[in-house]
Amino acid sequence: MKYQVIKGTRHYVYDHISDFYNDHPDQTPVKDWREGKEGDWVWSDDDNIVQLIKVSNVINHPGDRKNYKYAKGWVRTVVGTFLNRPNTIMDTDFEKHKNRYTFSGKIKSPSTRIKERKNLTKRERIFATSVVAGRSVLKAYKEAFSSLASDKDTQKKAVVLLKQERVMKEIERGVMDVAKSMGIDHEYILHNLKCLCENSDDENIILQSTKELGKVIGTLGTTTIRQQEVGVLGMLQEFSPEQLAAVKRPELEVSTSDSEES
């Protein structure tokens, strides 16, 4: 028996009928999954029992291939999405379906695509531009991606984007353009810090200025996540260092809702 979690709920794949009846004593799996209705438990073509999480009798997909028109619709299980056609084989092998929201087993999950993408998308560029323009990270994400998710879920997605080098480079380029238009460059910063170090009567100011000079020229390392990422106009100040550091593989795999992927 296997399962995966979607939105906090475990969805099981049963490989023994006895296990299924232990959990669902009043239900009988539908023999032909093509005849199943949403919520029904069905037999897959590899002789396992899985639930139909979503069933549609139409296919609305841009650029549909011609043969999609001959399908009666599609069904979605915890494993993957399958066209309702006589020759479609429904399996329960998670390894063959990296993205349960597509018909193809070759398309990678959204989180994997975000990590592996080399070039900025149009929406990512809008997000970066909005951040540089002074909008909060949450607002910038919602504007760029039309997100209707909660602030907590949107925050996770925003942090994921800010962990991508291509996005941070775009933001940094925008910040540098703004700085240059104001006459601020490395020479300007170094000159002013040097003046503070040499001319201030306040020992604390001298000490802090010296530290900042050390950071600029690399004498003092900036190794923490907060030092690396908050430095760009302080735009990440709404996130704690712990939140930024916690963006690991599990958080990247936050489930996408059916409404976003269907």
Protein backbone atom coordinates (compact mmCIF):
# COMPACT_ATOMS: atom_id res chain seq x y z
CA MET A 1 0.00 0.00 0.00
CA LYS A 2 1.38 3.39 -1.04
CA TYR A 3 0.19 6.93 -0.60
CA GLN A 4 0.99 10.57 -1.31
CA VAL A 5 -0.26 13.64 0.50
CA ILE A 6 -2.28 16.31 -1.33
CA LYS A 7 -3.29 19.38 0.65
CA GLY A 8 -2.78 17.57 3.92
CA THR A 9 -4.81 14.48 2.95
CA ARG A 10 -3.35 11.04 2.35
CA HIS A 11 -4.44 9.41 -0.91
CA TYR A 12 -3.74 5.69 -1.00
CA VAL A 13 -3.00 3.11 -3.68
CA TYR A 14 -4.01 -0.37 -2.49
CA ASP A 15 -2.24 -3.43 -3.84
CA HIS A 16 -4.41 -5.91 -1.89
CA ILE A 17 -8.21 -6.00 -1.90
CA SER A 18 -8.20 -7.03 1.78
CA ASP A 19 -6.40 -3.82 2.75
CA PHE A 20 -8.93 -1.82 0.77
CA TYR A 21 -11.91 -3.47 2.48
CA ASN A 22 -10.33 -2.91 5.87
CA ASP A 23 -10.43 0.82 5.21
CA HIS A 24 -13.56 0.92 3.04
CA PRO A 25 -15.83 -1.99 4.07
CA ASP A 26 -18.93 -0.53 2.40
CA GLN A 27 -17.42 0.16 -1.03
CA THR A 28 -16.61 -1.96 -4.06
CA PRO A 29 -14.00 -0.87 -6.62
CA VAL A 30 -15.29 -0.17 -10.13
CA LYS A 31 -13.89 -2.75 -12.54
CA ASP A 32 -13.49 -0.39 -15.51
CA TRP A 33 -11.97 2.90 -14.38
CA ARG A 34 -13.33 4.58 -17.54
CA GLU A 35 -16.84 4.14 -16.13
CA GLY A 36 -15.97 5.54 -12.71
CA LYS A 37 -17.28 8.78 -11.30
CA GLU A 38 -15.46 11.39 -9.26
CA GLY A 39 -14.75 9.95 -5.82
CA ASP A 40 -15.11 6.31 -6.92
CA TRP A 41 -12.45 3.71 -6.17
CA VAL A 42 -11.42 1.84 -9.30
CA TRP A 43 -9.18 -0.98 -10.46
CA SER A 44 -6.16 0.29 -12.36
CA ASP A 45 -4.76 -1.60 -15.35
CA ASP A 46 -1.85 -2.81 -13.22
CA ASP A 47 -4.29 -4.43 -10.74
CA ASN A 48 -4.18 -1.90 -7.94
CA ILE A 49 -7.02 0.09 -6.41
CA VAL A 50 -6.95 3.88 -6.56
CA GLN A 51 -9.48 6.68 -6.15
CA LEU A 52 -10.62 9.01 -8.93
CA ILE A 53 -9.87 12.39 -7.39
CA LYS A 54 -11.21 14.31 -10.35
CA VAL A 55 -13.21 13.33 -13.44
CA SER A 56 -13.95 15.54 -16.44
CA ASN A 57 -15.97 14.77 -19.56
CA VAL A 58 -14.32 17.54 -21.58
CA ILE A 59 -10.75 18.48 -22.42
CA ASN A 60 -9.93 22.16 -22.42
CA HIS A 61 -6.26 22.34 -23.24
CA PRO A 62 -4.55 24.87 -25.54
CA GLY A 63 -2.97 23.26 -28.58
CA ASP A 64 -4.69 19.92 -28.10
CA ARG A 65 -3.39 17.17 -30.30
CA LYS A 66 -5.90 15.83 -32.77
CA ASN A 67 -6.26 12.50 -31.01
CA TYR A 68 -7.34 14.22 -27.78
CA LYS A 69 -10.64 14.99 -29.52
CA TYR A 70 -11.47 11.31 -29.55
CA ALA A 71 -11.21 10.99 -25.78
CA LYS A 72 -14.33 11.05 -23.63
CA GLY A 73 -12.52 13.19 -21.10
CA TRP A 74 -9.93 12.50 -18.45
CA VAL A 75 -9.54 11.25 -14.89
CA ARG A 76 -7.03 12.17 -12.22
CA THR A 77 -5.71 9.95 -9.44
CA VAL A 78 -3.04 10.55 -6.84
CA VAL A 79 -0.59 9.05 -9.32
CA GLY A 80 -1.38 10.89 -12.55
CA THR A 81 -3.91 12.13 -15.10
CA PHE A 82 -5.21 9.77 -17.80
CA LEU A 83 -7.20 10.28 -20.99
CA ASN A 84 -10.49 8.40 -21.03
CA ARG A 85 -9.82 6.32 -24.13
CA PRO A 86 -10.05 2.57 -24.79
CA ASN A 87 -6.31 2.23 -25.40
CA THR A 88 -5.17 4.30 -22.41
CA ILE A 89 -3.40 2.32 -19.72
CA MET A 90 -3.92 3.58 -16.19
CA ASP A 91 -0.98 2.61 -13.99
CA THR A 92 -0.12 3.36 -10.37
CA ASP A 93 3.63 3.79 -10.74
CA PHE A 94 4.59 7.10 -9.15
CA GLU A 95 8.01 6.98 -10.84
CA LYS A 96 6.40 7.24 -14.28
CA HIS A 97 4.44 10.37 -13.42
CA LYS A 98 6.61 13.24 -12.25
CA ASN A 99 3.64 15.60 -12.56
CA ARG A 100 0.20 14.22 -11.74
CA TYR A 101 -1.50 17.18 -13.41
CA THR A 102 -0.46 16.39 -16.99
CA PHE A 103 -1.25 13.61 -19.47
CA SER A 104 2.42 13.14 -20.25
CA GLY A 105 4.74 11.22 -17.97
CA LYS A 106 7.70 13.21 -19.26
CA ILE A 107 6.70 16.65 -18.05
CA LYS A 108 8.48 17.56 -14.83
CA SER A 109 6.79 18.80 -11.68
CA PRO A 110 6.33 22.59 -11.32
CA SER A 111 8.87 22.73 -8.49
CA THR A 112 11.48 20.90 -10.57
CA ARG A 113 10.92 23.22 -13.53
CA ILE A 114 11.37 26.26 -11.29
CA LYS A 115 14.69 24.97 -10.01
CA GLU A 116 16.08 23.80 -13.36
CA ARG A 117 14.93 26.71 -15.52
CA LYS A 118 17.83 28.79 -16.82
CA ASN A 119 16.04 31.79 -18.30
CA LEU A 120 13.52 34.13 -16.72
CA THR A 121 9.89 33.72 -17.66
CA LYS A 122 7.74 36.75 -18.43
CA ARG A 123 6.02 36.49 -15.03
CA GLU A 124 9.32 36.12 -13.18
CA ARG A 125 10.57 39.28 -14.87
CA ILE A 126 7.41 41.15 -13.80
CA PHE A 127 7.95 39.88 -10.26
CA ALA A 128 11.56 41.07 -10.21
CA THR A 129 10.64 44.47 -11.66
CA SER A 130 7.89 44.94 -9.07
CA VAL A 131 10.30 44.17 -6.23
CA VAL A 132 12.81 46.69 -7.57
CA ALA A 133 9.99 49.25 -7.87
CA GLY A 134 9.46 49.00 -4.12
CA ARG A 135 6.47 46.69 -3.79
CA SER A 136 6.52 44.12 -1.02
CA VAL A 137 7.59 40.66 -2.09
CA LEU A 138 4.14 39.24 -1.37
CA LYS A 139 2.36 41.92 -3.39
CA ALA A 140 4.86 41.57 -6.24
CA TYR A 141 4.23 37.81 -6.41
CA LYS A 142 0.45 38.17 -6.35
CA GLU A 143 0.56 40.77 -9.12
CA ALA A 144 2.93 38.76 -11.31
CA PHE A 145 1.23 35.38 -10.91
CA SER A 146 -2.36 36.44 -10.13
CA SER A 147 -2.16 34.31 -7.00
CA LEU A 148 -5.36 33.80 -5.03
CA ALA A 149 -3.65 31.62 -2.44
CA SER A 150 -3.35 32.59 1.20
CA ASP A 151 -0.52 34.89 2.27
CA LYS A 152 1.19 31.92 3.93
CA ASP A 153 1.18 29.84 0.73
CA THR A 154 2.11 32.85 -1.39
CA GLN A 155 5.00 33.57 0.96
CA LYS A 156 6.37 30.07 0.41
CA LYS A 157 6.20 30.49 -3.36
CA ALA A 158 7.80 33.93 -3.21
CA VAL A 159 10.70 32.62 -1.13
CA VAL A 160 11.19 29.79 -3.62
CA LEU A 161 11.58 32.35 -6.43
CA LEU A 162 13.99 34.43 -4.37
CA LYS A 163 16.18 31.35 -3.93
CA GLN A 164 16.66 31.12 -7.70
CA GLU A 165 19.85 32.71 -8.98
CA ARG A 166 18.27 33.95 -12.22
CA VAL A 167 15.62 35.89 -10.30
CA MET A 168 18.07 37.41 -7.84
CA LYS A 169 20.38 38.48 -10.66
CA GLU A 170 17.49 40.25 -12.39
CA ILE A 171 16.58 42.05 -9.17
CA GLU A 172 20.20 43.02 -8.56
CA ARG A 173 20.50 44.37 -12.12
CA GLY A 174 17.41 46.49 -11.55
CA VAL A 175 18.74 47.80 -8.25
CA MET A 176 22.07 48.70 -9.85
CA ASP A 177 20.29 50.59 -12.65
CA VAL A 178 18.34 52.61 -10.08
CA ALA A 179 21.48 53.25 -8.04
CA LYS A 180 23.43 54.43 -11.08
CA SER A 181 20.64 56.79 -12.05
CA MET A 182 21.03 58.33 -8.57
CA GLY A 183 24.80 58.60 -8.92
CA ILE A 184 25.43 55.77 -6.50
CA ASP A 185 28.11 53.25 -7.41
CA HIS A 186 30.87 51.32 -5.64
CA GLU A 187 33.24 54.29 -5.78
CA TYR A 188 30.63 56.54 -4.18
CA ILE A 189 29.94 54.06 -1.37
CA LEU A 190 33.61 53.40 -0.68
CA HIS A 191 34.42 57.11 -0.68
CA ASN A 192 31.68 57.93 1.84
CA LEU A 193 32.56 55.03 4.13
CA LYS A 194 36.21 56.08 4.00
CA CYS A 195 35.25 59.62 4.96
CA LEU A 196 33.26 58.35 7.93
CA CYS A 197 36.17 56.22 9.09
CA GLU A 198 38.67 59.05 8.83
CA ASN A 199 36.63 62.05 9.97
CA SER A 200 34.05 60.86 12.49
CA ASP A 201 34.52 61.58 16.20
CA ASP A 202 32.19 58.72 17.14
CA GLU A 203 34.09 55.47 17.70
CA ASN A 204 30.97 53.39 17.01
CA ILE A 205 30.53 55.05 13.61
CA ILE A 206 34.20 54.47 12.82
CA LEU A 207 33.90 50.81 13.82
CA GLN A 208 30.71 50.19 11.83
CA SER A 209 32.08 52.02 8.79
CA THR A 210 35.23 49.93 8.92
CA LYS A 211 33.15 46.75 9.08
CA GLU A 212 31.10 47.84 6.10
CA LEU A 213 34.24 48.61 4.14
CA GLY A 214 35.49 45.14 5.00
CA LYS A 215 32.32 43.59 3.64
CA VAL A 216 32.49 45.62 0.43
CA ILE A 217 36.07 44.65 -0.37
CA GLY A 218 35.67 41.09 0.86
CA THR A 219 37.84 41.24 3.98
CA LEU A 220 34.84 40.18 6.04
CA GLY A 221 32.86 37.26 4.59
CA THR A 222 29.12 37.53 4.08
CA THR A 223 28.17 33.92 4.37
CA THR A 224 24.73 33.89 5.93
CA ILE A 225 21.56 33.75 3.90
CA ARG A 226 20.31 36.99 5.42
CA GLN A 227 23.53 38.86 4.58
CA GLN A 228 23.52 37.54 1.03
CA GLU A 229 19.89 38.16 0.20
CA VAL A 230 18.66 41.00 2.38
CA GLY A 231 21.36 43.32 1.10
CA VAL A 232 19.44 44.19 -2.05
CA LEU A 233 17.57 47.27 -0.80
CA GLY A 234 16.49 45.30 2.28
CA MET A 235 13.68 43.78 0.20
CA LEU A 236 13.64 40.52 2.12
CA GLN A 237 13.23 42.06 5.53
CA GLU A 238 9.68 40.66 5.74
CA PHE A 239 11.17 37.13 5.87
CA SER A 240 13.14 35.81 8.81
CA PRO A 241 16.51 34.11 8.22
CA GLU A 242 14.90 30.88 9.40
CA GLN A 243 12.21 31.10 6.72
CA LEU A 244 14.78 31.69 4.00
CA ALA A 245 17.03 28.91 5.23
CA ALA A 246 14.14 26.45 5.44
CA VAL A 247 13.41 26.45 1.71
CA LYS A 248 14.48 22.90 0.94
CA ARG A 249 13.13 20.21 -1.34
CA PRO A 250 9.94 19.45 0.65
CA GLU A 251 8.80 23.07 0.53
CA LEU A 252 9.51 23.28 -3.15
CA GLU A 253 7.05 20.47 -3.68
CA VAL A 254 4.02 22.29 -2.31
CA SER A 255 1.07 20.74 -4.12
CA THR A 256 -0.50 22.79 -6.89
CA SER A 257 -4.26 22.98 -6.72
CA ASP A 258 -6.41 21.33 -9.37
CA SER A 259 -7.75 24.70 -10.43
CA GLU A 260 -4.24 25.92 -11.29
CA GLU A 261 -3.15 22.88 -13.27
CA SER A 262 -6.26 21.46 -14.92
